[in-house]
């Protein structure tokens, strides 16, 4: 009798499960339809410390971005309710070499205006701003509140408003992120189920 190669894994599993059961336990059987296709899924977890540096453009912005830093630490108070989210966002911006200040606001605003275009950067950064009901308790002067406001501007009003509101930054998301790196990750995500891990 001829067995098709595709049936062998199913028969092996069924044979293992049909092995003699101990006294007092019933046998269990698993049946597979050998005439239908079987899909096997693979979930790939990619560290963010690998993903974000791959999105850097080939040229560096150097002093032009460093000059956009906020002048004092008082202007960027950390919200005591969400220190972990703020810390992760600042680590992500450090991987992307974007200093604190108007450039973070502008780039986050532009990512929120077109999240599909800027995937996976948009997913990684905007995920940290999903505070749910906790957004109501944010201190209005905190860095996280300003970043959340910038993302809302981008989502509601688009990239043009981002450039108008945060024009103190000379660099937009198109310049700060590698288009090639974005396309590579977008292609991989279309073929694999990819999730990004801290």
N, C-alpha and C. Protein backbone atom coordinates (compact mmCIF):
# COMPACT_ATOMS: atom_id res chain seq x y z
N UNK A 1 0.85 -1.18 0.00
CA UNK A 1 0.00 0.00 0.00
C UNK A 1 0.90 1.25 0.00
N UNK A 2 0.52 2.21 -0.84
CA UNK A 2 1.34 3.41 -1.03
C UNK A 2 0.83 4.53 -0.12
N UNK A 3 1.70 5.15 0.68
CA UNK A 3 1.34 6.28 1.53
C UNK A 3 1.94 7.54 0.94
N UNK A 4 1.12 8.59 0.86
CA UNK A 4 1.65 9.85 0.36
C UNK A 4 2.54 10.48 1.43
N UNK A 5 3.56 11.16 1.00
CA UNK A 5 4.51 11.77 1.92
C UNK A 5 3.84 12.79 2.82
N UNK A 6 2.84 13.48 2.32
CA UNK A 6 2.16 14.51 3.12
C UNK A 6 1.41 13.91 4.29
N UNK A 7 1.04 12.63 4.22
CA UNK A 7 0.26 11.98 5.29
C UNK A 7 1.15 11.50 6.42
N UNK A 8 2.45 11.36 6.20
CA UNK A 8 3.32 10.77 7.20
C UNK A 8 3.33 11.54 8.52
N UNK A 9 3.46 12.89 8.53
CA UNK A 9 3.45 13.58 9.83
C UNK A 9 2.13 13.38 10.58
N UNK A 10 1.02 13.37 9.87
CA UNK A 10 -0.27 13.19 10.53
C UNK A 10 -0.39 11.79 11.10
N UNK A 11 0.09 10.80 10.38
CA UNK A 11 0.04 9.42 10.88
C UNK A 11 0.95 9.25 12.08
N UNK A 12 2.11 9.89 12.06
CA UNK A 12 3.03 9.80 13.19
C UNK A 12 2.41 10.38 14.45
N UNK A 13 1.78 11.55 14.34
CA UNK A 13 1.13 12.17 15.49
C UNK A 13 0.00 11.28 15.99
N UNK A 14 -0.80 10.75 15.08
CA UNK A 14 -1.91 9.89 15.48
C UNK A 14 -1.41 8.63 16.16
N UNK A 15 -0.30 8.07 15.68
CA UNK A 15 0.25 6.86 16.30
C UNK A 15 0.76 7.13 17.70
N UNK A 16 1.42 8.27 17.88
CA UNK A 16 1.93 8.61 19.21
C UNK A 16 0.80 8.83 20.20
N UNK A 17 -0.25 9.48 19.74
CA UNK A 17 -1.37 9.74 20.63
C UNK A 17 -2.21 8.50 20.90
N UNK A 18 -2.14 7.54 20.02
CA UNK A 18 -2.93 6.33 20.18
C UNK A 18 -2.17 5.24 20.95
N UNK A 19 -1.00 5.55 21.47
CA UNK A 19 -0.22 4.59 22.24
C UNK A 19 -1.05 4.11 23.43
N UNK A 20 -0.75 2.95 23.93
CA UNK A 20 -1.56 2.41 25.04
C UNK A 20 -1.60 3.37 26.21
N UNK A 21 -2.78 3.60 26.71
CA UNK A 21 -2.98 4.51 27.83
C UNK A 21 -2.78 3.76 29.13
N UNK A 22 -2.43 4.46 30.17
CA UNK A 22 -2.28 3.84 31.48
C UNK A 22 -3.66 3.41 31.97
N UNK A 23 -3.67 2.56 32.94
CA UNK A 23 -4.94 2.06 33.47
C UNK A 23 -5.76 3.21 34.01
N UNK A 24 -7.01 3.25 33.64
CA UNK A 24 -7.91 4.29 34.11
C UNK A 24 -7.96 5.50 33.19
N UNK A 25 -7.15 5.52 32.14
CA UNK A 25 -7.14 6.64 31.21
C UNK A 25 -7.56 6.16 29.84
N UNK A 26 -8.40 6.94 29.18
CA UNK A 26 -8.88 6.55 27.86
C UNK A 26 -7.89 6.99 26.79
N UNK A 27 -7.90 6.26 25.69
CA UNK A 27 -7.07 6.61 24.55
C UNK A 27 -7.62 7.86 23.89
N UNK A 28 -6.70 8.67 23.35
CA UNK A 28 -7.10 9.88 22.63
C UNK A 28 -6.65 9.75 21.20
N UNK A 29 -7.49 10.22 20.29
CA UNK A 29 -7.17 10.15 18.87
C UNK A 29 -7.25 11.54 18.26
N UNK A 30 -6.32 11.81 17.36
CA UNK A 30 -6.34 13.06 16.61
C UNK A 30 -6.43 12.68 15.14
N UNK A 31 -7.37 13.26 14.45
CA UNK A 31 -7.57 12.97 13.04
C UNK A 31 -7.26 14.20 12.20
N UNK A 32 -6.56 13.99 11.10
CA UNK A 32 -6.26 15.05 10.15
C UNK A 32 -6.86 14.68 8.81
N UNK A 33 -7.43 15.66 8.15
CA UNK A 33 -7.93 15.44 6.80
C UNK A 33 -6.74 15.53 5.85
N UNK A 34 -6.30 14.40 5.36
CA UNK A 34 -5.10 14.37 4.53
C UNK A 34 -5.34 14.92 3.13
N UNK A 35 -6.58 15.22 2.78
CA UNK A 35 -6.86 15.76 1.45
C UNK A 35 -6.95 17.28 1.42
N UNK A 36 -6.85 17.90 2.59
CA UNK A 36 -6.90 19.36 2.63
C UNK A 36 -5.52 19.93 2.96
N UNK A 37 -5.34 21.19 2.62
CA UNK A 37 -4.06 21.85 2.90
C UNK A 37 -3.95 22.15 4.38
N UNK A 38 -2.74 22.17 4.88
CA UNK A 38 -2.49 22.50 6.28
C UNK A 38 -1.55 23.70 6.31
N UNK A 39 -1.92 24.71 7.05
CA UNK A 39 -1.09 25.91 7.17
C UNK A 39 -0.36 25.87 8.50
N UNK A 40 0.93 26.08 8.46
CA UNK A 40 1.73 26.14 9.67
C UNK A 40 2.19 27.58 9.83
N UNK A 41 1.95 28.15 11.00
CA UNK A 41 2.31 29.55 11.24
C UNK A 41 3.64 29.67 11.95
N UNK A 42 4.29 30.78 11.71
CA UNK A 42 5.57 31.07 12.35
C UNK A 42 5.52 32.52 12.82
N UNK A 43 5.71 32.72 14.10
CA UNK A 43 5.74 34.06 14.66
C UNK A 43 7.19 34.44 14.92
N UNK A 44 7.61 35.53 14.33
CA UNK A 44 8.99 35.99 14.47
C UNK A 44 9.00 37.21 15.38
N UNK A 45 9.74 37.14 16.46
CA UNK A 45 9.91 38.28 17.36
C UNK A 45 11.23 38.96 17.07
N UNK A 46 11.18 40.24 16.74
CA UNK A 46 12.40 40.98 16.37
C UNK A 46 12.68 42.02 17.45
N UNK A 47 13.88 42.00 18.02
CA UNK A 47 14.20 43.02 19.03
C UNK A 47 14.18 44.43 18.42
N UNK A 48 13.65 45.36 19.16
CA UNK A 48 13.58 46.74 18.68
C UNK A 48 14.98 47.32 18.51
N UNK A 49 15.93 46.83 19.32
CA UNK A 49 17.30 47.32 19.20
C UNK A 49 17.94 46.91 17.88
N UNK A 50 17.33 45.97 17.16
CA UNK A 50 17.79 45.60 15.82
C UNK A 50 17.00 46.37 14.77
N UNK A 51 15.71 46.52 15.01
CA UNK A 51 14.82 47.14 14.03
C UNK A 51 15.12 48.61 13.83
N UNK A 52 15.14 49.39 14.91
CA UNK A 52 15.27 50.85 14.77
C UNK A 52 16.59 51.29 14.13
N UNK A 53 17.76 50.74 14.51
CA UNK A 53 18.97 51.17 13.82
C UNK A 53 18.96 50.86 12.32
N UNK A 54 18.21 49.84 11.92
CA UNK A 54 18.15 49.53 10.48
C UNK A 54 17.33 50.57 9.71
N UNK A 55 16.64 51.46 10.43
CA UNK A 55 15.84 52.49 9.78
C UNK A 55 16.58 53.82 9.65
N UNK A 56 17.84 53.86 10.10
CA UNK A 56 18.61 55.10 10.01
C UNK A 56 18.99 55.38 8.55
N UNK A 57 18.92 56.65 8.14
CA UNK A 57 19.35 56.99 6.78
C UNK A 57 20.86 56.87 6.67
N UNK A 58 21.35 56.84 5.45
CA UNK A 58 22.79 56.68 5.24
C UNK A 58 23.57 57.92 5.63
N UNK A 59 22.92 59.08 5.66
CA UNK A 59 23.63 60.30 6.05
C UNK A 59 23.21 60.72 7.46
N UNK A 60 24.09 61.40 8.15
CA UNK A 60 23.83 61.85 9.51
C UNK A 60 23.48 63.33 9.50
N UNK A 61 22.62 63.72 10.42
CA UNK A 61 22.17 65.12 10.46
C UNK A 61 23.04 65.98 11.37
N UNK A 62 23.81 65.36 12.24
CA UNK A 62 24.80 66.07 13.05
C UNK A 62 24.26 67.28 13.80
N UNK A 63 24.93 68.42 13.63
CA UNK A 63 24.64 69.62 14.40
C UNK A 63 23.25 70.18 14.14
N UNK A 64 22.71 70.01 12.94
CA UNK A 64 21.40 70.61 12.66
C UNK A 64 20.32 70.08 13.58
N UNK A 65 20.39 68.80 13.94
CA UNK A 65 19.42 68.26 14.88
C UNK A 65 19.80 68.57 16.32
N UNK A 66 21.10 68.56 16.63
CA UNK A 66 21.51 68.86 18.00
C UNK A 66 21.11 70.27 18.42
N UNK A 67 21.04 71.19 17.49
CA UNK A 67 20.66 72.56 17.81
C UNK A 67 19.18 72.71 18.12
N UNK A 68 18.38 71.67 17.86
CA UNK A 68 16.94 71.75 18.13
C UNK A 68 16.58 71.22 19.50
N UNK A 69 17.56 70.85 20.32
CA UNK A 69 17.26 70.34 21.66
C UNK A 69 16.53 71.40 22.49
N UNK A 70 15.72 70.91 23.44
CA UNK A 70 15.07 71.85 24.35
C UNK A 70 16.11 72.48 25.26
N UNK A 71 15.94 73.75 25.61
CA UNK A 71 16.97 74.44 26.37
C UNK A 71 17.14 73.99 27.81
N UNK A 72 16.09 73.51 28.47
CA UNK A 72 16.25 73.15 29.87
C UNK A 72 15.49 71.88 30.20
N UNK A 73 15.95 71.20 31.24
CA UNK A 73 15.31 69.96 31.66
C UNK A 73 13.93 70.22 32.25
N UNK A 74 13.71 71.44 32.76
CA UNK A 74 12.40 71.76 33.34
C UNK A 74 11.30 71.72 32.27
N UNK A 75 11.66 72.05 31.03
CA UNK A 75 10.68 72.03 29.95
C UNK A 75 10.25 70.61 29.59
N UNK A 76 11.02 69.63 30.00
CA UNK A 76 10.71 68.26 29.62
C UNK A 76 10.51 67.38 30.85
N UNK A 77 9.63 67.80 31.73
CA UNK A 77 9.37 67.05 32.95
C UNK A 77 8.81 65.67 32.62
N UNK A 78 9.26 64.69 33.36
CA UNK A 78 8.77 63.32 33.18
C UNK A 78 7.46 63.17 33.93
N UNK A 79 6.48 62.61 33.28
CA UNK A 79 5.19 62.39 33.91
C UNK A 79 5.32 61.22 34.89
N UNK A 80 4.99 61.44 36.19
CA UNK A 80 5.19 60.38 37.18
C UNK A 80 4.27 59.17 36.97
N UNK A 81 3.18 59.35 36.25
CA UNK A 81 2.25 58.24 36.04
C UNK A 81 2.74 57.25 34.98
N UNK A 82 3.60 57.70 34.06
CA UNK A 82 4.03 56.85 32.95
C UNK A 82 5.53 56.92 32.70
N UNK A 83 6.36 56.68 33.71
CA UNK A 83 7.81 56.79 33.47
C UNK A 83 8.36 55.73 32.53
N UNK A 84 7.77 54.52 32.52
CA UNK A 84 8.27 53.45 31.66
C UNK A 84 8.05 53.79 30.19
N UNK A 85 6.87 54.31 29.86
CA UNK A 85 6.58 54.66 28.47
C UNK A 85 7.51 55.77 28.00
N UNK A 86 7.71 56.78 28.84
CA UNK A 86 8.61 57.88 28.46
C UNK A 86 10.04 57.38 28.27
N UNK A 87 10.48 56.51 29.17
CA UNK A 87 11.84 55.99 29.06
C UNK A 87 12.00 55.18 27.78
N UNK A 88 11.04 54.34 27.45
CA UNK A 88 11.13 53.55 26.22
C UNK A 88 11.12 54.46 24.99
N UNK A 89 10.26 55.47 24.98
CA UNK A 89 10.22 56.39 23.84
C UNK A 89 11.57 57.08 23.66
N UNK A 90 12.17 57.52 24.75
CA UNK A 90 13.46 58.20 24.65
C UNK A 90 14.56 57.23 24.18
N UNK A 91 14.47 55.96 24.58
CA UNK A 91 15.42 54.97 24.09
C UNK A 91 15.24 54.76 22.59
N UNK A 92 13.98 54.70 22.14
CA UNK A 92 13.71 54.52 20.71
C UNK A 92 14.23 55.71 19.90
N UNK A 93 13.99 56.93 20.41
CA UNK A 93 14.49 58.11 19.72
C UNK A 93 16.02 58.13 19.72
N UNK A 94 16.64 57.63 20.79
CA UNK A 94 18.11 57.56 20.83
C UNK A 94 18.62 56.59 19.76
N UNK A 95 17.93 55.45 19.57
CA UNK A 95 18.32 54.51 18.51
C UNK A 95 18.22 55.17 17.14
N UNK A 96 17.23 56.06 16.98
CA UNK A 96 17.03 56.75 15.70
C UNK A 96 17.86 58.03 15.60
N UNK A 97 18.61 58.34 16.67
CA UNK A 97 19.47 59.53 16.74
C UNK A 97 18.67 60.83 16.55
N UNK A 98 17.51 60.90 17.20
CA UNK A 98 16.67 62.09 17.15
C UNK A 98 16.65 62.70 18.54
N UNK A 99 17.22 63.90 18.71
CA UNK A 99 17.30 64.50 20.05
C UNK A 99 15.94 64.98 20.54
N UNK A 100 15.87 65.17 21.85
CA UNK A 100 14.63 65.66 22.47
C UNK A 100 14.32 67.05 21.94
N UNK A 101 13.07 67.34 21.77
CA UNK A 101 12.65 68.67 21.33
C UNK A 101 11.74 68.62 20.13
N UNK A 102 11.76 69.68 19.32
CA UNK A 102 10.83 69.80 18.20
C UNK A 102 10.96 68.67 17.17
N UNK A 103 12.15 68.11 17.01
CA UNK A 103 12.30 67.03 16.02
C UNK A 103 11.56 65.77 16.43
N UNK A 104 11.59 65.44 17.72
CA UNK A 104 10.81 64.30 18.18
C UNK A 104 9.32 64.54 17.94
N UNK A 105 8.87 65.76 18.23
CA UNK A 105 7.45 66.09 18.06
C UNK A 105 7.06 66.03 16.59
N UNK A 106 7.89 66.61 15.72
CA UNK A 106 7.55 66.62 14.29
C UNK A 106 7.54 65.22 13.70
N UNK A 107 8.57 64.44 14.02
CA UNK A 107 8.65 63.10 13.44
C UNK A 107 7.53 62.21 13.96
N UNK A 108 7.22 62.30 15.23
CA UNK A 108 6.10 61.52 15.77
C UNK A 108 4.78 61.95 15.15
N UNK A 109 4.61 63.24 14.95
CA UNK A 109 3.42 63.77 14.29
C UNK A 109 3.28 63.20 12.88
N UNK A 110 4.38 63.20 12.13
CA UNK A 110 4.33 62.69 10.76
C UNK A 110 4.13 61.18 10.71
N UNK A 111 4.67 60.45 11.68
CA UNK A 111 4.42 59.01 11.75
C UNK A 111 2.94 58.73 11.98
N UNK A 112 2.32 59.53 12.83
CA UNK A 112 0.89 59.34 13.12
C UNK A 112 0.02 59.74 11.93
N UNK A 113 0.51 60.63 11.08
CA UNK A 113 -0.28 61.05 9.92
C UNK A 113 -0.36 59.95 8.86
N UNK A 114 0.65 59.09 8.77
CA UNK A 114 0.68 57.99 7.79
C UNK A 114 1.32 56.76 8.39
N UNK A 115 0.64 56.08 9.32
CA UNK A 115 1.28 54.95 10.00
C UNK A 115 1.66 53.80 9.08
N UNK A 116 0.89 53.55 8.03
CA UNK A 116 1.22 52.45 7.11
C UNK A 116 2.49 52.76 6.32
N UNK A 117 2.65 54.01 5.94
CA UNK A 117 3.81 54.41 5.15
C UNK A 117 5.11 54.30 5.96
N UNK A 118 5.02 54.54 7.26
CA UNK A 118 6.21 54.55 8.11
C UNK A 118 6.32 53.31 8.99
N UNK A 119 5.59 52.24 8.67
CA UNK A 119 5.71 50.99 9.41
C UNK A 119 7.12 50.45 9.21
N UNK A 120 7.80 49.95 10.19
CA UNK A 120 7.44 49.62 11.56
C UNK A 120 7.73 50.71 12.58
N UNK A 121 8.38 51.80 12.16
CA UNK A 121 8.69 52.88 13.11
C UNK A 121 7.42 53.42 13.76
N UNK A 122 6.37 53.59 12.97
CA UNK A 122 5.13 54.12 13.52
C UNK A 122 4.53 53.16 14.56
N UNK A 123 4.57 51.87 14.28
CA UNK A 123 4.01 50.90 15.23
C UNK A 123 4.79 50.89 16.53
N UNK A 124 6.09 50.92 16.44
CA UNK A 124 6.94 50.87 17.63
C UNK A 124 6.75 52.11 18.50
N UNK A 125 6.79 53.29 17.89
CA UNK A 125 6.70 54.53 18.67
C UNK A 125 5.28 54.84 19.13
N UNK A 126 4.32 54.68 18.24
CA UNK A 126 2.94 55.05 18.60
C UNK A 126 2.34 54.09 19.62
N UNK A 127 2.85 52.86 19.66
CA UNK A 127 2.36 51.88 20.64
C UNK A 127 2.57 52.40 22.06
N UNK A 128 3.66 53.11 22.28
CA UNK A 128 3.96 53.63 23.62
C UNK A 128 3.02 54.77 24.02
N UNK A 129 2.35 55.37 23.05
CA UNK A 129 1.43 56.48 23.35
C UNK A 129 -0.01 56.01 23.52
N UNK A 130 -0.24 54.71 23.42
CA UNK A 130 -1.57 54.16 23.63
C UNK A 130 -1.77 53.97 25.12
N UNK A 131 -2.22 55.03 25.78
CA UNK A 131 -2.35 55.03 27.23
C UNK A 131 -3.75 54.69 27.71
N UNK A 132 -4.69 54.55 26.78
CA UNK A 132 -6.07 54.25 27.15
C UNK A 132 -6.66 55.36 28.00
N UNK A 133 -7.35 54.98 29.05
CA UNK A 133 -7.99 55.96 29.94
C UNK A 133 -6.95 56.75 30.73
N UNK A 134 -5.73 56.25 30.81
CA UNK A 134 -4.69 56.95 31.56
C UNK A 134 -4.27 58.26 30.94
N UNK A 135 -4.61 58.50 29.67
CA UNK A 135 -4.23 59.75 29.01
C UNK A 135 -4.86 60.96 29.70
N UNK A 136 -5.97 60.74 30.39
CA UNK A 136 -6.65 61.85 31.06
C UNK A 136 -5.88 62.36 32.27
N UNK A 137 -4.99 61.54 32.85
CA UNK A 137 -4.27 61.95 34.05
C UNK A 137 -2.87 62.49 33.74
N UNK A 138 -2.54 62.63 32.47
CA UNK A 138 -1.22 63.17 32.09
C UNK A 138 -1.08 64.62 32.55
N UNK A 139 0.11 64.94 33.03
CA UNK A 139 0.40 66.34 33.34
C UNK A 139 0.61 67.07 32.02
N UNK A 140 -0.07 68.20 31.86
CA UNK A 140 -0.05 68.90 30.56
C UNK A 140 1.34 69.40 30.18
N UNK A 141 2.24 69.61 31.13
CA UNK A 141 3.57 70.11 30.83
C UNK A 141 4.57 69.00 30.57
N UNK A 142 4.18 67.76 30.72
CA UNK A 142 5.15 66.67 30.60
C UNK A 142 5.52 66.41 29.14
N UNK A 143 6.67 65.80 28.97
CA UNK A 143 7.17 65.43 27.65
C UNK A 143 6.19 64.46 26.98
N UNK A 144 5.68 63.49 27.75
CA UNK A 144 4.76 62.50 27.19
C UNK A 144 3.47 63.16 26.70
N UNK A 145 2.98 64.17 27.42
CA UNK A 145 1.77 64.88 26.99
C UNK A 145 2.03 65.62 25.68
N UNK A 146 3.22 66.22 25.54
CA UNK A 146 3.54 66.92 24.29
C UNK A 146 3.67 65.94 23.13
N UNK A 147 4.27 64.77 23.38
CA UNK A 147 4.39 63.76 22.33
C UNK A 147 3.01 63.22 21.93
N UNK A 148 2.13 63.02 22.90
CA UNK A 148 0.78 62.55 22.62
C UNK A 148 0.01 63.59 21.81
N UNK A 149 0.16 64.86 22.16
CA UNK A 149 -0.49 65.94 21.41
C UNK A 149 0.02 65.98 19.98
N UNK A 150 1.32 65.81 19.79
CA UNK A 150 1.89 65.81 18.44
C UNK A 150 1.32 64.67 17.60
N UNK A 151 1.19 63.50 18.21
CA UNK A 151 0.63 62.37 17.46
C UNK A 151 -0.83 62.62 17.10
N UNK A 152 -1.57 63.27 17.98
CA UNK A 152 -2.97 63.59 17.67
C UNK A 152 -3.07 64.60 16.54
N UNK A 153 -2.18 65.58 16.51
CA UNK A 153 -2.15 66.56 15.42
C UNK A 153 -1.92 65.84 14.10
N UNK A 154 -0.95 64.94 14.07
CA UNK A 154 -0.66 64.20 12.84
C UNK A 154 -1.83 63.32 12.42
N UNK A 155 -2.43 62.64 13.36
CA UNK A 155 -3.54 61.75 13.05
C UNK A 155 -4.75 62.52 12.53
N UNK A 156 -5.05 63.65 13.17
CA UNK A 156 -6.26 64.41 12.82
C UNK A 156 -6.07 65.40 11.68
N UNK A 157 -4.86 65.98 11.54
CA UNK A 157 -4.70 67.08 10.59
C UNK A 157 -3.70 66.81 9.47
N UNK A 158 -2.89 65.78 9.58
CA UNK A 158 -1.98 65.43 8.49
C UNK A 158 -0.59 66.03 8.60
N UNK A 159 0.27 65.59 7.68
CA UNK A 159 1.69 65.94 7.71
C UNK A 159 1.95 67.42 7.49
N UNK A 160 1.13 68.10 6.70
CA UNK A 160 1.34 69.54 6.48
C UNK A 160 1.24 70.32 7.78
N UNK A 161 0.27 69.95 8.60
CA UNK A 161 0.10 70.63 9.89
C UNK A 161 1.29 70.32 10.80
N UNK A 162 1.85 69.13 10.68
CA UNK A 162 3.03 68.77 11.48
C UNK A 162 4.19 69.71 11.16
N UNK A 163 4.41 69.94 9.87
CA UNK A 163 5.50 70.82 9.46
C UNK A 163 5.23 72.25 9.93
N UNK A 164 3.97 72.67 9.89
CA UNK A 164 3.63 74.03 10.33
C UNK A 164 3.80 74.17 11.84
N UNK A 165 3.32 73.20 12.60
CA UNK A 165 3.38 73.29 14.07
C UNK A 165 4.78 73.07 14.63
N UNK A 166 5.55 72.21 13.99
CA UNK A 166 6.87 71.85 14.51
C UNK A 166 7.97 72.19 13.51
N UNK A 167 7.83 73.35 12.89
CA UNK A 167 8.78 73.80 11.88
C UNK A 167 10.15 74.15 12.42
N UNK A 168 10.30 74.22 13.74
CA UNK A 168 11.61 74.49 14.33
C UNK A 168 12.58 73.35 14.04
N UNK A 169 12.05 72.20 13.69
CA UNK A 169 12.90 71.06 13.32
C UNK A 169 13.07 71.07 11.80
N UNK A 170 14.31 71.08 11.31
CA UNK A 170 14.54 71.14 9.86
C UNK A 170 14.35 69.80 9.15
N UNK A 171 14.14 68.72 9.92
CA UNK A 171 14.11 67.37 9.36
C UNK A 171 12.76 66.71 9.63
N UNK A 172 12.15 66.17 8.59
CA UNK A 172 10.90 65.43 8.74
C UNK A 172 11.15 63.93 8.79
N UNK A 173 10.09 63.17 8.89
CA UNK A 173 10.22 61.71 8.98
C UNK A 173 10.85 61.13 7.71
N UNK A 174 10.56 61.72 6.55
CA UNK A 174 11.14 61.21 5.30
C UNK A 174 12.66 61.33 5.31
N UNK A 175 13.17 62.35 5.97
CA UNK A 175 14.62 62.55 6.03
C UNK A 175 15.27 61.78 7.18
N UNK A 176 14.54 61.60 8.27
CA UNK A 176 15.10 60.97 9.47
C UNK A 176 15.08 59.45 9.40
N UNK A 177 14.26 58.89 8.51
CA UNK A 177 14.15 57.44 8.39
C UNK A 177 14.56 56.99 6.99
N UNK A 178 15.18 55.85 6.91
CA UNK A 178 15.60 55.28 5.64
C UNK A 178 14.40 54.69 4.91
N UNK A 179 14.11 55.19 3.73
CA UNK A 179 13.00 54.66 2.93
C UNK A 179 13.26 53.20 2.59
N UNK A 180 14.52 52.86 2.28
CA UNK A 180 14.87 51.48 1.96
C UNK A 180 14.63 50.56 3.16
N UNK A 181 15.07 51.01 4.35
CA UNK A 181 14.86 50.21 5.56
C UNK A 181 13.38 49.98 5.85
N UNK A 182 12.57 51.02 5.66
CA UNK A 182 11.12 50.88 5.85
C UNK A 182 10.55 49.85 4.88
N UNK A 183 10.96 49.94 3.60
CA UNK A 183 10.43 49.02 2.59
C UNK A 183 10.83 47.57 2.87
N UNK A 184 12.05 47.37 3.35
CA UNK A 184 12.50 46.01 3.68
C UNK A 184 11.63 45.43 4.79
N UNK A 185 11.40 46.21 5.86
CA UNK A 185 10.57 45.72 6.97
C UNK A 185 9.13 45.53 6.53
N UNK A 186 8.63 46.40 5.69
CA UNK A 186 7.25 46.25 5.20
C UNK A 186 7.12 44.99 4.36
N UNK A 187 8.12 44.69 3.55
CA UNK A 187 8.09 43.46 2.75
C UNK A 187 8.12 42.23 3.66
N UNK A 188 9.03 42.24 4.64
CA UNK A 188 9.11 41.10 5.57
C UNK A 188 7.80 40.91 6.32
N UNK A 189 7.16 42.02 6.74
CA UNK A 189 5.90 41.92 7.46
C UNK A 189 4.79 41.39 6.58
N UNK A 190 4.87 41.62 5.26
CA UNK A 190 3.85 41.10 4.36
C UNK A 190 3.99 39.60 4.17
N UNK A 191 5.20 39.06 4.39
CA UNK A 191 5.45 37.63 4.20
C UNK A 191 5.43 36.84 5.50
N UNK A 192 5.79 37.50 6.62
CA UNK A 192 5.86 36.82 7.90
C UNK A 192 5.01 37.56 8.92
N UNK A 193 4.61 36.86 9.96
CA UNK A 193 3.90 37.50 11.05
C UNK A 193 4.96 37.99 12.05
N UNK A 194 5.28 39.27 11.96
CA UNK A 194 6.38 39.83 12.76
C UNK A 194 5.81 40.67 13.89
N UNK A 195 6.37 40.48 15.10
CA UNK A 195 6.04 41.35 16.21
C UNK A 195 7.35 41.94 16.73
N UNK A 196 7.27 43.14 17.26
CA UNK A 196 8.47 43.85 17.72
C UNK A 196 8.50 43.84 19.23
N UNK A 197 9.61 43.35 19.79
CA UNK A 197 9.75 43.16 21.24
C UNK A 197 10.74 44.15 21.80
N UNK A 198 10.47 44.59 23.05
CA UNK A 198 11.40 45.48 23.76
C UNK A 198 12.64 44.71 24.15
